[in-house]
Amino acid sequence: MKKILVFISILALVGCSGDADNNASEINIRLSNISQFDFQNIVVNTTTGNTNFENISYQQTTNYKIFETAYRYAFVELQIDGETYRYQPIDYVGETPLENGNYTYQIGVEDSGLSLILIED
């Protein structure tokens, strides 16, 4: 009987790992660097405060982070070779918050600055 309880306890712990990659009951967002540059000191704000992401080498993707509220675009600030770049939304008037699920903000670099595209994973 004890062996069965231990086995069930282990299954419960493994099943509740809390990994955002598999948790669709939250808004999970990761970043994908689709540029030819390495990004450093990345900060994303979806209206609920700054979230720091690790540095991302070109053509790489981060792990998911959980957000309380998010939209199809967000404030993004990062550095490339010591120079600061920003993607600055004016406001979110008329925007609908994202539903729970997994999303990727693809961040690129264009002549006019950063570009941001939302992908639903």
PDB file of N, CA and C in Angstrom:
ATOM      1  N   MET A   1       0.822  -1.192   0.000  1.00  0.00           N
ATOM      2  CA  MET A   1       0.000   0.000   0.000  1.00  0.00           C
ATOM      3  C   MET A   1       0.867   1.258   0.000  1.00  0.00           C
ATOM      4  N   LYS A   2       1.953   1.232   0.817  1.00  0.00           N
ATOM      5  CA  LYS A   2       2.849   2.394   0.873  1.00  0.00           C
ATOM      6  C   LYS A   2       3.508   2.632  -0.482  1.00  0.00           C
ATOM      7  N   LYS A   3       3.853   1.550  -1.181  1.00  0.00           N
ATOM      8  CA  LYS A   3       4.503   1.690  -2.487  1.00  0.00           C
ATOM      9  C   LYS A   3       3.566   2.374  -3.482  1.00  0.00           C
ATOM     10  N   ILE A   4       2.291   2.054  -3.407  1.00  0.00           N
ATOM     11  CA  ILE A   4       1.311   2.665  -4.306  1.00  0.00           C
ATOM     12  C   ILE A   4       1.183   4.150  -4.008  1.00  0.00           C
ATOM     13  N   LEU A   5       1.133   4.520  -2.730  1.00  0.00           N
ATOM     14  CA  LEU A   5       1.033   5.941  -2.352  1.00  0.00           C
ATOM     15  C   LEU A   5       2.270   6.718  -2.782  1.00  0.00           C
ATOM     16  N   VAL A   6       3.445   6.123  -2.622  1.00  0.00           N
ATOM     17  CA  VAL A   6       4.688   6.781  -3.052  1.00  0.00           C
ATOM     18  C   VAL A   6       4.669   6.969  -4.564  1.00  0.00           C
ATOM     19  N   PHE A   7       4.254   5.960  -5.299  1.00  0.00           N
ATOM     20  CA  PHE A   7       4.186   6.039  -6.760  1.00  0.00           C
ATOM     21  C   PHE A   7       3.218   7.130  -7.205  1.00  0.00           C
ATOM     22  N   ILE A   8       2.051   7.200  -6.580  1.00  0.00           N
ATOM     23  CA  ILE A   8       1.065   8.233  -6.923  1.00  0.00           C
ATOM     24  C   ILE A   8       1.606   9.619  -6.589  1.00  0.00           C
ATOM     25  N   SER A   9       2.293   9.750  -5.477  1.00  0.00           N
ATOM     26  CA  SER A   9       2.880  11.041  -5.090  1.00  0.00           C
ATOM     27  C   SER A   9       3.917  11.499  -6.112  1.00  0.00           C
ATOM     28  N   ILE A  10       4.745  10.581  -6.564  1.00  0.00           N
ATOM     29  CA  ILE A  10       5.767  10.921  -7.562  1.00  0.00           C
ATOM     30  C   ILE A  10       5.103  11.347  -8.867  1.00  0.00           C
ATOM     31  N   LEU A  11       4.081  10.636  -9.299  1.00  0.00           N
ATOM     32  CA  LEU A  11       3.367  11.011 -10.521  1.00  0.00           C
ATOM     33  C   LEU A  11       2.749  12.405 -10.387  1.00  0.00           C
ATOM     34  N   ALA A  12       2.192  12.702  -9.231  1.00  0.00           N
ATOM     35  CA  ALA A  12       1.582  14.017  -9.013  1.00  0.00           C
ATOM     36  C   ALA A  12       2.626  15.115  -9.082  1.00  0.00           C
ATOM     37  N   LEU A  13       3.793  14.893  -8.492  1.00  0.00           N
ATOM     38  CA  LEU A  13       4.858  15.901  -8.526  1.00  0.00           C
ATOM     39  C   LEU A  13       5.380  16.117  -9.935  1.00  0.00           C
ATOM     40  N   VAL A  14       5.583  15.046 -10.666  1.00  0.00           N
ATOM     41  CA  VAL A  14       6.067  15.160 -12.036  1.00  0.00           C
ATOM     42  C   VAL A  14       5.035  15.859 -12.904  1.00  0.00           C
ATOM     43  N   GLY A  15       3.775  15.576 -12.720  1.00  0.00           N
ATOM     44  CA  GLY A  15       2.706  16.179 -13.505  1.00  0.00           C
ATOM     45  C   GLY A  15       2.490  17.642 -13.207  1.00  0.00           C
ATOM     46  N   CYS A  16       2.978  18.142 -12.086  1.00  0.00           N
ATOM     47  CA  CYS A  16       2.784  19.533 -11.676  1.00  0.00           C
ATOM     48  C   CYS A  16       4.093  20.289 -11.692  1.00  0.00           C
ATOM     49  N   SER A  17       4.882  20.120 -12.707  1.00  0.00           N
ATOM     50  CA  SER A  17       6.207  20.737 -12.753  1.00  0.00           C
ATOM     51  C   SER A  17       6.143  22.246 -12.867  1.00  0.00           C
ATOM     52  N   GLY A  18       5.027  22.825 -13.335  1.00  0.00           N
ATOM     53  CA  GLY A  18       4.897  24.270 -13.435  1.00  0.00           C
ATOM     54  C   GLY A  18       5.639  24.852 -14.627  1.00  0.00           C
ATOM     55  N   ASP A  19       6.038  24.068 -15.567  1.00  0.00           N
ATOM     56  CA  ASP A  19       6.770  24.527 -16.740  1.00  0.00           C
ATOM     57  C   ASP A  19       5.838  25.308 -17.650  1.00  0.00           C
ATOM     58  N   ALA A  20       6.180  26.565 -17.929  1.00  0.00           N
ATOM     59  CA  ALA A  20       5.328  27.424 -18.752  1.00  0.00           C
ATOM     60  C   ALA A  20       5.206  26.893 -20.179  1.00  0.00           C
ATOM     61  N   ASP A  21       6.194  26.083 -20.639  1.00  0.00           N
ATOM     62  CA  ASP A  21       6.138  25.565 -21.999  1.00  0.00           C
ATOM     63  C   ASP A  21       4.885  24.715 -22.228  1.00  0.00           C
ATOM     64  N   ASN A  22       4.366  24.088 -21.183  1.00  0.00           N
ATOM     65  CA  ASN A  22       3.237  23.188 -21.346  1.00  0.00           C
ATOM     66  C   ASN A  22       1.983  23.681 -20.638  1.00  0.00           C
ATOM     67  N   ASN A  23       1.989  24.889 -20.125  1.00  0.00           N
ATOM     68  CA  ASN A  23       0.894  25.389 -19.306  1.00  0.00           C
ATOM     69  C   ASN A  23       0.072  26.389 -20.093  1.00  0.00           C
ATOM     70  N   ALA A  24      -1.016  25.942 -20.694  1.00  0.00           N
ATOM     71  CA  ALA A  24      -1.854  26.826 -21.506  1.00  0.00           C
ATOM     72  C   ALA A  24      -2.902  27.541 -20.670  1.00  0.00           C
ATOM     73  N   SER A  25      -2.829  27.431 -19.336  1.00  0.00           N
ATOM     74  CA  SER A  25      -3.776  28.143 -18.478  1.00  0.00           C
ATOM     75  C   SER A  25      -3.245  29.519 -18.097  1.00  0.00           C
ATOM     76  N   GLU A  26      -2.148  29.919 -18.696  1.00  0.00           N
ATOM     77  CA  GLU A  26      -1.519  31.228 -18.481  1.00  0.00           C
ATOM     78  C   GLU A  26      -1.202  31.837 -19.845  1.00  0.00           C
ATOM     79  N   ILE A  27      -0.832  33.096 -19.840  1.00  0.00           N
ATOM     80  CA  ILE A  27      -0.304  33.727 -21.048  1.00  0.00           C
ATOM     81  C   ILE A  27       1.203  33.541 -20.999  1.00  0.00           C
ATOM     82  N   ASN A  28       1.724  32.714 -21.877  1.00  0.00           N
ATOM     83  CA  ASN A  28       3.151  32.400 -21.930  1.00  0.00           C
ATOM     84  C   ASN A  28       3.743  33.021 -23.183  1.00  0.00           C
ATOM     85  N   ILE A  29       4.775  33.834 -22.993  1.00  0.00           N
ATOM     86  CA  ILE A  29       5.397  34.510 -24.134  1.00  0.00           C
ATOM     87  C   ILE A  29       6.893  34.242 -24.127  1.00  0.00           C
ATOM     88  N   ARG A  30       7.409  33.947 -25.299  1.00  0.00           N
ATOM     89  CA  ARG A  30       8.855  33.828 -25.484  1.00  0.00           C
ATOM     90  C   ARG A  30       9.259  34.778 -26.600  1.00  0.00           C
ATOM     91  N   LEU A  31      10.543  35.016 -26.714  1.00  0.00           N
ATOM     92  CA  LEU A  31      11.067  35.909 -27.743  1.00  0.00           C
ATOM     93  C   LEU A  31      11.878  35.107 -28.742  1.00  0.00           C
ATOM     94  N   SER A  32      11.770  35.481 -29.998  1.00  0.00           N
ATOM     95  CA  SER A  32      12.561  34.877 -31.055  1.00  0.00           C
ATOM     96  C   SER A  32      13.306  35.988 -31.782  1.00  0.00           C
ATOM     97  N   ASN A  33      14.614  35.873 -31.834  1.00  0.00           N
ATOM     98  CA  ASN A  33      15.457  36.852 -32.514  1.00  0.00           C
ATOM     99  C   ASN A  33      15.567  36.446 -33.979  1.00  0.00           C
ATOM    100  N   ILE A  34      14.848  37.148 -34.853  1.00  0.00           N
ATOM    101  CA  ILE A  34      14.866  36.805 -36.278  1.00  0.00           C
ATOM    102  C   ILE A  34      15.806  37.713 -37.053  1.00  0.00           C
ATOM    103  N   SER A  35      16.671  38.433 -36.339  1.00  0.00           N
ATOM    104  CA  SER A  35      17.624  39.338 -36.986  1.00  0.00           C
ATOM    105  C   SER A  35      18.972  38.638 -37.189  1.00  0.00           C
ATOM    106  N   GLN A  36      19.927  39.390 -37.669  1.00  0.00           N
ATOM    107  CA  GLN A  36      21.300  38.894 -37.831  1.00  0.00           C
ATOM    108  C   GLN A  36      22.216  39.448 -36.744  1.00  0.00           C
ATOM    109  N   PHE A  37      21.618  39.947 -35.643  1.00  0.00           N
ATOM    110  CA  PHE A  37      22.379  40.556 -34.552  1.00  0.00           C
ATOM    111  C   PHE A  37      22.096  39.821 -33.249  1.00  0.00           C
ATOM    112  N   ASP A  38      23.037  39.892 -32.319  1.00  0.00           N
ATOM    113  CA  ASP A  38      22.820  39.388 -30.969  1.00  0.00           C
ATOM    114  C   ASP A  38      22.138  40.474 -30.153  1.00  0.00           C
ATOM    115  N   PHE A  39      21.135  40.090 -29.337  1.00  0.00           N
ATOM    116  CA  PHE A  39      20.408  41.032 -28.476  1.00  0.00           C
ATOM    117  C   PHE A  39      20.885  40.866 -27.035  1.00  0.00           C
ATOM    118  N   GLN A  40      21.110  41.991 -26.345  1.00  0.00           N
ATOM    119  CA  GLN A  40      21.484  41.973 -24.940  1.00  0.00           C
ATOM    120  C   GLN A  40      20.515  42.834 -24.129  1.00  0.00           C
ATOM    121  N   ASN A  41      20.442  42.546 -22.822  1.00  0.00           N
ATOM    122  CA  ASN A  41      19.667  43.350 -21.862  1.00  0.00           C
ATOM    123  C   ASN A  41      18.234  43.596 -22.327  1.00  0.00           C
ATOM    124  N   ILE A  42      17.527  42.558 -22.654  1.00  0.00           N
ATOM    125  CA  ILE A  42      16.183  42.666 -23.226  1.00  0.00           C
ATOM    126  C   ILE A  42      15.143  42.860 -22.119  1.00  0.00           C
ATOM    127  N   VAL A  43      14.306  43.876 -22.293  1.00  0.00           N
ATOM    128  CA  VAL A  43      13.209  44.158 -21.370  1.00  0.00           C
ATOM    129  C   VAL A  43      11.925  44.219 -22.188  1.00  0.00           C
ATOM    130  N   VAL A  44      10.882  43.523 -21.710  1.00  0.00           N
ATOM    131  CA  VAL A  44       9.568  43.532 -22.355  1.00  0.00           C
ATOM    132  C   VAL A  44       8.551  44.004 -21.326  1.00  0.00           C
ATOM    133  N   ASN A  45       7.663  44.906 -21.734  1.00  0.00           N
ATOM    134  CA  ASN A  45       6.588  45.364 -20.860  1.00  0.00           C
ATOM    135  C   ASN A  45       5.278  45.266 -21.630  1.00  0.00           C
ATOM    136  N   THR A  46       4.373  44.438 -21.128  1.00  0.00           N
ATOM    137  CA  THR A  46       3.061  44.229 -21.764  1.00  0.00           C
ATOM    138  C   THR A  46       1.961  44.976 -21.025  1.00  0.00           C
ATOM    139  N   THR A  47       2.304  45.962 -20.264  1.00  0.00           N
ATOM    140  CA  THR A  47       1.456  46.835 -19.438  1.00  0.00           C
ATOM    141  C   THR A  47       1.433  46.442 -17.974  1.00  0.00           C
ATOM    142  N   THR A  48       2.047  45.344 -17.587  1.00  0.00           N
ATOM    143  CA  THR A  48       2.015  44.926 -16.188  1.00  0.00           C
ATOM    144  C   THR A  48       3.393  45.001 -15.530  1.00  0.00           C
ATOM    145  N   GLY A  49       4.296  45.774 -16.101  1.00  0.00           N
ATOM    146  CA  GLY A  49       5.644  45.911 -15.536  1.00  0.00           C
ATOM    147  C   GLY A  49       6.688  45.263 -16.415  1.00  0.00           C
ATOM    148  N   ASN A  50       7.932  45.622 -16.147  1.00  0.00           N
ATOM    149  CA  ASN A  50       9.047  45.114 -16.947  1.00  0.00           C
ATOM    150  C   ASN A  50       9.344  43.657 -16.636  1.00  0.00           C
ATOM    151  N   THR A  51       9.607  42.899 -17.695  1.00  0.00           N
ATOM    152  CA  THR A  51      10.064  41.517 -17.584  1.00  0.00           C
ATOM    153  C   THR A  51      11.393  41.432 -18.306  1.00  0.00           C
ATOM    154  N   ASN A  52      12.412  40.981 -17.588  1.00  0.00           N
ATOM    155  CA  ASN A  52      13.739  40.845 -18.171  1.00  0.00           C
ATOM    156  C   ASN A  52      13.891  39.469 -18.794  1.00  0.00           C
ATOM    157  N   PHE A  53      14.402  39.451 -20.009  1.00  0.00           N
ATOM    158  CA  PHE A  53      14.716  38.204 -20.696  1.00  0.00           C
ATOM    159  C   PHE A  53      16.230  38.090 -20.796  1.00  0.00           C
ATOM    160  N   GLU A  54      16.699  36.877 -20.938  1.00  0.00           N
ATOM    161  CA  GLU A  54      18.127  36.680 -21.122  1.00  0.00           C
ATOM    162  C   GLU A  54      18.561  37.229 -22.481  1.00  0.00           C
ATOM    163  N   ASN A  55      19.845  37.325 -22.679  1.00  0.00           N
ATOM    164  CA  ASN A  55      20.358  37.735 -23.983  1.00  0.00           C
ATOM    165  C   ASN A  55      19.999  36.662 -25.008  1.00  0.00           C
ATOM    166  N   ILE A  56      19.814  37.090 -26.254  1.00  0.00           N
ATOM    167  CA  ILE A  56      19.460  36.140 -27.313  1.00  0.00           C
ATOM    168  C   ILE A  56      20.416  36.320 -28.477  1.00  0.00           C
ATOM    169  N   SER A  57      21.087  35.263 -28.837  1.00  0.00           N
ATOM    170  CA  SER A  57      21.915  35.294 -30.039  1.00  0.00           C
ATOM    171  C   SER A  57      21.013  35.325 -31.263  1.00  0.00           C
ATOM    172  N   TYR A  58      21.565  35.756 -32.386  1.00  0.00           N
ATOM    173  CA  TYR A  58      20.749  35.827 -33.595  1.00  0.00           C
ATOM    174  C   TYR A  58      20.213  34.445 -33.948  1.00  0.00           C
ATOM    175  N   GLN A  59      18.975  34.455 -34.431  1.00  0.00           N
ATOM    176  CA  GLN A  59      18.252  33.260 -34.862  1.00  0.00           C
ATOM    177  C   GLN A  59      17.963  32.278 -33.714  1.00  0.00           C
ATOM    178  N   GLN A  60      17.931  32.761 -32.460  1.00  0.00           N
ATOM    179  CA  GLN A  60      17.640  31.919 -31.303  1.00  0.00           C
ATOM    180  C   GLN A  60      16.302  32.328 -30.672  1.00  0.00           C
ATOM    181  N   THR A  61      15.776  31.476 -29.784  1.00  0.00           N
ATOM    182  CA  THR A  61      14.502  31.704 -29.109  1.00  0.00           C
ATOM    183  C   THR A  61      14.687  31.471 -27.609  1.00  0.00           C
ATOM    184  N   THR A  62      14.030  32.294 -26.796  1.00  0.00           N
ATOM    185  CA  THR A  62      14.111  32.153 -25.342  1.00  0.00           C
ATOM    186  C   THR A  62      13.121  31.106 -24.850  1.00  0.00           C
ATOM    187  N   ASN A  63      13.171  30.839 -23.572  1.00  0.00           N
ATOM    188  CA  ASN A  63      12.132  30.052 -22.903  1.00  0.00           C
ATOM    189  C   ASN A  63      10.923  30.949 -22.690  1.00  0.00           C
ATOM    190  N   TYR A  64       9.767  30.336 -22.437  1.00  0.00           N
ATOM    191  CA  TYR A  64       8.553  31.091 -22.145  1.00  0.00           C
ATOM    192  C   TYR A  64       8.639  31.742 -20.773  1.00  0.00           C
ATOM    193  N   LYS A  65       8.000  32.905 -20.650  1.00  0.00           N
ATOM    194  CA  LYS A  65       7.781  33.558 -19.365  1.00  0.00           C
ATOM    195  C   LYS A  65       6.283  33.833 -19.258  1.00  0.00           C
ATOM    196  N   ILE A  66       5.790  33.808 -18.023  1.00  0.00           N
ATOM    197  CA  ILE A  66       4.361  33.992 -17.782  1.00  0.00           C
ATOM    198  C   ILE A  66       4.045  35.472 -17.622  1.00  0.00           C
ATOM    199  N   PHE A  67       2.960  35.910 -18.286  1.00  0.00           N
ATOM    200  CA  PHE A  67       2.507  37.295 -18.208  1.00  0.00           C
ATOM    201  C   PHE A  67       1.071  37.330 -17.698  1.00  0.00           C
ATOM    202  N   GLU A  68       0.779  38.315 -16.891  1.00  0.00           N
ATOM    203  CA  GLU A  68      -0.572  38.482 -16.361  1.00  0.00           C
ATOM    204  C   GLU A  68      -1.524  38.968 -17.453  1.00  0.00           C
ATOM    205  N   THR A  69      -1.077  39.948 -18.232  1.00  0.00           N
ATOM    206  CA  THR A  69      -1.844  40.508 -19.344  1.00  0.00           C
ATOM    207  C   THR A  69      -0.863  40.801 -20.471  1.00  0.00           C
ATOM    208  N   ALA A  70      -1.287  40.587 -21.704  1.00  0.00           N
ATOM    209  CA  ALA A  70      -0.440  40.901 -22.854  1.00  0.00           C
ATOM    210  C   ALA A  70      -1.321  41.172 -24.063  1.00  0.00           C
ATOM    211  N   TYR A  71      -0.730  41.836 -25.035  1.00  0.00           N
ATOM    212  CA  TYR A  71      -1.406  42.186 -26.282  1.00  0.00           C
ATOM    213  C   TYR A  71      -0.579  41.689 -27.453  1.00  0.00           C
ATOM    214  N   ARG A  72      -1.058  41.914 -28.663  1.00  0.00           N
ATOM    215  CA  ARG A  72      -0.341  41.425 -29.842  1.00  0.00           C
ATOM    216  C   ARG A  72       0.968  42.164 -30.071  1.00  0.00           C
ATOM    217  N   TYR A  73       1.202  43.239 -29.322  1.00  0.00           N
ATOM    218  CA  TYR A  73       2.485  43.937 -29.358  1.00  0.00           C
ATOM    219  C   TYR A  73       2.786  44.455 -27.961  1.00  0.00           C
ATOM    220  N   ALA A  74       4.042  44.832 -27.725  1.00  0.00           N
ATOM    221  CA  ALA A  74       4.472  45.249 -26.388  1.00  0.00           C
ATOM    222  C   ALA A  74       5.660  46.192 -26.518  1.00  0.00           C
ATOM    223  N   PHE A  75       5.961  46.874 -25.426  1.00  0.00           N
ATOM    224  CA  PHE A  75       7.187  47.666 -25.350  1.00  0.00           C
ATOM    225  C   PHE A  75       8.368  46.700 -25.265  1.00  0.00           C
ATOM    226  N   VAL A  76       9.368  46.921 -26.107  1.00  0.00           N
ATOM    227  CA  VAL A  76      10.581  46.104 -26.077  1.00  0.00           C
ATOM    228  C   VAL A  76      11.778  47.046 -26.119  1.00  0.00           C
ATOM    229  N   GLU A  77      12.724  46.808 -25.222  1.00  0.00           N
ATOM    230  CA  GLU A  77      13.987  47.552 -25.242  1.00  0.00           C
ATOM    231  C   GLU A  77      15.116  46.543 -25.172  1.00  0.00           C
ATOM    232  N   LEU A  78      16.139  46.759 -25.979  1.00  0.00           N
ATOM    233  CA  LEU A  78      17.282  45.850 -26.006  1.00  0.00           C
ATOM    234  C   LEU A  78      18.502  46.597 -26.515  1.00  0.00           C
ATOM    235  N   GLN A  79      19.630  45.948 -26.407  1.00  0.00           N
ATOM    236  CA  GLN A  79      20.867  46.541 -26.905  1.00  0.00           C
ATOM    237  C   GLN A  79      21.497  45.635 -27.943  1.00  0.00           C
ATOM    238  N   ILE A  80      22.072  46.296 -28.944  1.00  0.00           N
ATOM    239  CA  ILE A  80      22.859  45.617 -29.967  1.00  0.00           C
ATOM    240  C   ILE A  80      24.194  46.336 -30.017  1.00  0.00           C
ATOM    241  N   ASP A  81      25.260  45.627 -29.701  1.00  0.00           N
ATOM    242  CA  ASP A  81      26.605  46.211 -29.684  1.00  0.00           C
ATOM    243  C   ASP A  81      26.654  47.513 -28.888  1.00  0.00           C
ATOM    244  N   GLY A  82      25.972  47.546 -27.730  1.00  0.00           N
ATOM    245  CA  GLY A  82      26.002  48.704 -26.854  1.00  0.00           C
ATOM    246  C   GLY A  82      25.037  49.817 -27.208  1.00  0.00           C
ATOM    247  N   GLU A  83      24.351  49.724 -28.330  1.00  0.00           N
ATOM    248  CA  GLU A  83      23.377  50.737 -28.734  1.00  0.00           C
ATOM    249  C   GLU A  83      21.968  50.269 -28.366  1.00  0.00           C
ATOM    250  N   THR A  84      21.169  51.170 -27.770  1.00  0.00           N
ATOM    251  CA  THR A  84      19.823  50.827 -27.319  1.00  0.00           C
ATOM    252  C   THR A  84      18.809  51.004 -28.434  1.00  0.00           C
ATOM    253  N   TYR A  85      17.931  49.998 -28.569  1.00  0.00           N
ATOM    254  CA  TYR A  85      16.838  50.014 -29.536  1.00  0.00           C
ATOM    255  C   TYR A  85      15.536  49.793 -28.770  1.00  0.00           C
ATOM    256  N   ARG A  86      14.460  50.446 -29.241  1.00  0.00           N
ATOM    257  CA  ARG A  86      13.157  50.302 -28.592  1.00  0.00           C
ATOM    258  C   ARG A  86      12.058  50.087 -29.633  1.00  0.00           C
ATOM    259  N   TYR A  87      11.083  49.269 -29.230  1.00  0.00           N
ATOM    260  CA  TYR A  87       9.819  49.162 -29.948  1.00  0.00           C
ATOM    261  C   TYR A  87       8.806  49.733 -28.974  1.00  0.00           C
ATOM    262  N   GLN A  88       8.254  50.915 -29.288  1.00  0.00           N
ATOM    263  CA  GLN A  88       7.441  51.676 -28.346  1.00  0.00           C
ATOM    264  C   GLN A  88       6.007  51.806 -28.845  1.00  0.00           C
ATOM    265  N   PRO A  89       5.071  51.026 -28.290  1.00  0.00           N
ATOM    266  CA  PRO A  89       3.659  51.220 -28.642  1.00  0.00           C
ATOM    267  C   PRO A  89       3.178  52.580 -28.148  1.00  0.00           C
ATOM    268  N   ILE A  90       2.259  53.177 -28.873  1.00  0.00           N
ATOM    269  CA  ILE A  90       1.678  54.449 -28.441  1.00  0.00           C
ATOM    270  C   ILE A  90       0.671  54.192 -27.336  1.00  0.00           C
ATOM    271  N   ASP A  91      -0.221  53.236 -27.541  1.00  0.00           N
ATOM    272  CA  ASP A  91      -1.197  52.847 -26.518  1.00  0.00           C
ATOM    273  C   ASP A  91      -1.821  51.518 -26.939  1.00  0.00           C
ATOM    274  N   TYR A  92      -2.733  51.030 -26.115  1.00  0.00           N
ATOM    275  CA  TYR A  92      -3.410  49.766 -26.401  1.00  0.00           C
ATOM    276  C   TYR A  92      -4.909  49.973 -26.582  1.00  0.00           C
ATOM    277  N   VAL A  93      -5.315  51.202 -26.880  1.00  0.00           N
ATOM    278  CA  VAL A  93      -6.733  51.519 -27.073  1.00  0.00           C
ATOM    279  C   VAL A  93      -7.276  50.685 -28.231  1.00  0.00           C
ATOM    280  N   GLY A  94      -8.386  50.008 -27.999  1.00  0.00           N
ATOM    281  CA  GLY A  94      -9.009  49.181 -29.026  1.00  0.00           C
ATOM    282  C   GLY A  94      -8.422  47.790 -29.151  1.00  0.00           C
ATOM    283  N   GLU A  95      -7.348  47.515 -28.426  1.00  0.00           N
ATOM    284  CA  GLU A  95      -6.726  46.190 -28.479  1.00  0.00           C
ATOM    285  C   GLU A  95      -7.415  45.233 -27.520  1.00  0.00           C
ATOM    286  N   THR A  96      -7.454  43.983 -27.880  1.00  0.00           N
ATOM    287  CA  THR A  96      -8.016  42.941 -27.041  1.00  0.00           C
ATOM    288  C   THR A  96      -6.874  42.169 -26.396  1.00  0.00           C
ATOM    289  N   PRO A  97      -6.903  41.968 -25.079  1.00  0.00           N
ATOM    290  CA  PRO A  97      -5.841  41.177 -24.443  1.00  0.00           C
ATOM    291  C   PRO A  97      -5.776  39.768 -25.022  1.00  0.00           C
ATOM    292  N   LEU A  98      -4.578  39.215 -25.033  1.00  0.00           N
ATOM    293  CA  LEU A  98      -4.398  37.843 -25.504  1.00  0.00           C
ATOM    294  C   LEU A  98      -5.094  36.876 -24.552  1.00  0.00           C
ATOM    295  N   GLU A  99      -5.605  35.797 -25.111  1.00  0.00           N
ATOM    296  CA  GLU A  99      -6.175  34.722 -24.301  1.00  0.00           C
ATOM    297  C   GLU A  99      -5.043  33.846 -23.786  1.00  0.00           C
ATOM    298  N   ASN A 100      -5.318  33.035 -22.784  1.00  0.00           N
ATOM    299  CA  ASN A 100      -4.312  32.114 -22.275  1.00  0.00           C
ATOM    300  C   ASN A 100      -3.798  31.244 -23.416  1.00  0.00           C
ATOM    301  N   GLY A 101      -2.505  31.000 -23.409  1.00  0.00           N
ATOM    302  CA  GLY A 101      -1.884  30.192 -24.443  1.00  0.00           C
ATOM    303  C   GLY A 101      -0.421  30.517 -24.573  1.00  0.00           C
ATOM    304  N   ASN A 102       0.225  29.914 -25.547  1.00  0.00           N
ATOM    305  CA  ASN A 102       1.647  30.119 -25.804  1.00  0.00           C
ATOM    306  C   ASN A 102       1.826  31.000 -27.035  1.00  0.00           C
ATOM    307  N   TYR A 103       2.678  32.006 -26.891  1.00  0.00           N
ATOM    308  CA  TYR A 103       2.908  32.977 -27.957  1.00  0.00           C
ATOM    309  C   TYR A 103       4.407  33.254 -28.093  1.00  0.00           C
ATOM    310  N   THR A 104       4.782  33.715 -29.285  1.00  0.00           N
ATOM    311  CA  THR A 104       6.149  34.148 -29.529  1.00  0.00           C
ATOM    312  C   THR A 104       6.125  35.539 -30.124  1.00  0.00           C
ATOM    313  N   TYR A 105       6.902  36.452 -29.535  1.00  0.00           N
ATOM    314  CA  TYR A 105       7.163  37.749 -30.151  1.00  0.00           C
ATOM    315  C   TYR A 105       8.420  37.571 -30.989  1.00  0.00           C
ATOM    316  N   GLN A 106       8.264  37.652 -32.314  1.00  0.00           N
ATOM    317  CA  GLN A 106       9.425  37.607 -33.191  1.00  0.00           C
ATOM    318  C   GLN A 106       9.958  39.028 -33.325  1.00  0.00           C
ATOM    319  N   ILE A 107      11.215  39.216 -32.970  1.00  0.00           N
ATOM    320  CA  ILE A 107      11.810  40.544 -33.001  1.00  0.00           C
ATOM    321  C   ILE A 107      12.868  40.592 -34.093  1.00  0.00           C
ATOM    322  N   GLY A 108      12.712  41.568 -34.980  1.00  0.00           N
ATOM    323  CA  GLY A 108      13.661  41.766 -36.056  1.00  0.00           C
ATOM    324  C   GLY A 108      14.222  43.175 -36.009  1.00  0.00           C
ATOM    325  N   VAL A 109      15.183  43.425 -36.868  1.00  0.00           N
ATOM    326  CA  VAL A 109      15.789  44.751 -36.974  1.00  0.00           C
ATOM    327  C   VAL A 109      15.659  45.203 -38.416  1.00  0.00           C
ATOM    328  N   GLU A 110      15.064  46.385 -38.587  1.00  0.00           N
ATOM    329  CA  GLU A 110      14.897  46.983 -39.912  1.00  0.00           C
ATOM    330  C   GLU A 110      15.591  48.336 -39.924  1.00  0.00           C
ATOM    331  N   ASP A 111      15.625  48.990 -41.068  1.00  0.00           N
ATOM    332  CA  ASP A 111      16.247  50.309 -41.166  1.00  0.00           C
ATOM    333  C   ASP A 111      15.613  51.311 -40.206  1.00  0.00           C
ATOM    334  N   SER A 112      14.301  51.170 -39.977  1.00  0.00           N
ATOM    335  CA  SER A 112      13.583  52.114 -39.118  1.00  0.00           C
ATOM    336  C   SER A 112      13.634  51.730 -37.639  1.00  0.00           C
ATOM    337  N   GLY A 113      14.226  50.595 -37.287  1.00  0.00           N
ATOM    338  CA  GLY A 113      14.311  50.161 -35.899  1.00  0.00           C
ATOM    339  C   GLY A 113      13.883  48.717 -35.734  1.00  0.00           C
ATOM    340  N   LEU A 114      13.305  48.417 -34.572  1.00  0.00           N
ATOM    341  CA  LEU A 114      12.865  47.058 -34.294  1.00  0.00           C
ATOM    342  C   LEU A 114      11.507  46.779 -34.926  1.00  0.00           C
ATOM    343  N   SER A 115      11.294  45.544 -35.302  1.00  0.00           N
ATOM    344  CA  SER A 115       9.979  45.078 -35.735  1.00  0.00           C
ATOM    345  C   SER A 115       9.544  43.983 -34.762  1.00  0.00           C
ATOM    346  N   LEU A 116       8.229  43.848 -34.590  1.00  0.00           N
ATOM    347  CA  LEU A 116       7.692  42.849 -33.669  1.00  0.00           C
ATOM    348  C   LEU A 116       6.479  42.197 -34.306  1.00  0.00           C
ATOM    349  N   ILE A 117       6.489  40.878 -34.354  1.00  0.00           N
ATOM    350  CA  ILE A 117       5.380  40.100 -34.919  1.00  0.00           C
ATOM    351  C   ILE A 117       4.956  39.072 -33.881  1.00  0.00           C
ATOM    352  N   LEU A 118       3.659  38.962 -33.626  1.00  0.00           N
ATOM    353  CA  LEU A 118       3.131  37.969 -32.698  1.00  0.00           C
ATOM    354  C   LEU A 118       2.804  36.681 -33.452  1.00  0.00           C
ATOM    355  N   ILE A 119       3.279  35.569 -32.919  1.00  0.00           N
ATOM    356  CA  ILE A 119       2.973  34.249 -33.452  1.00  0.00           C
ATOM    357  C   ILE A 119       2.283  33.462 -32.352  1.00  0.00           C
ATOM    358  N   GLU A 120       1.126  32.854 -32.647  1.00  0.00           N
ATOM    359  CA  GLU A 120       0.466  31.977 -31.681  1.00  0.00           C
ATOM    360  C   GLU A 120       1.028  30.579 -31.867  1.00  0.00           C
ATOM    361  N   ASP A 121       1.619  30.052 -30.816  1.00  0.00           N
ATOM    362  CA  ASP A 121       2.267  28.733 -30.904  1.00  0.00           C
ATOM    363  C   ASP A 121       1.266  27.609 -30.702  1.00  0.00           C
TER     364      ASP A 121
END
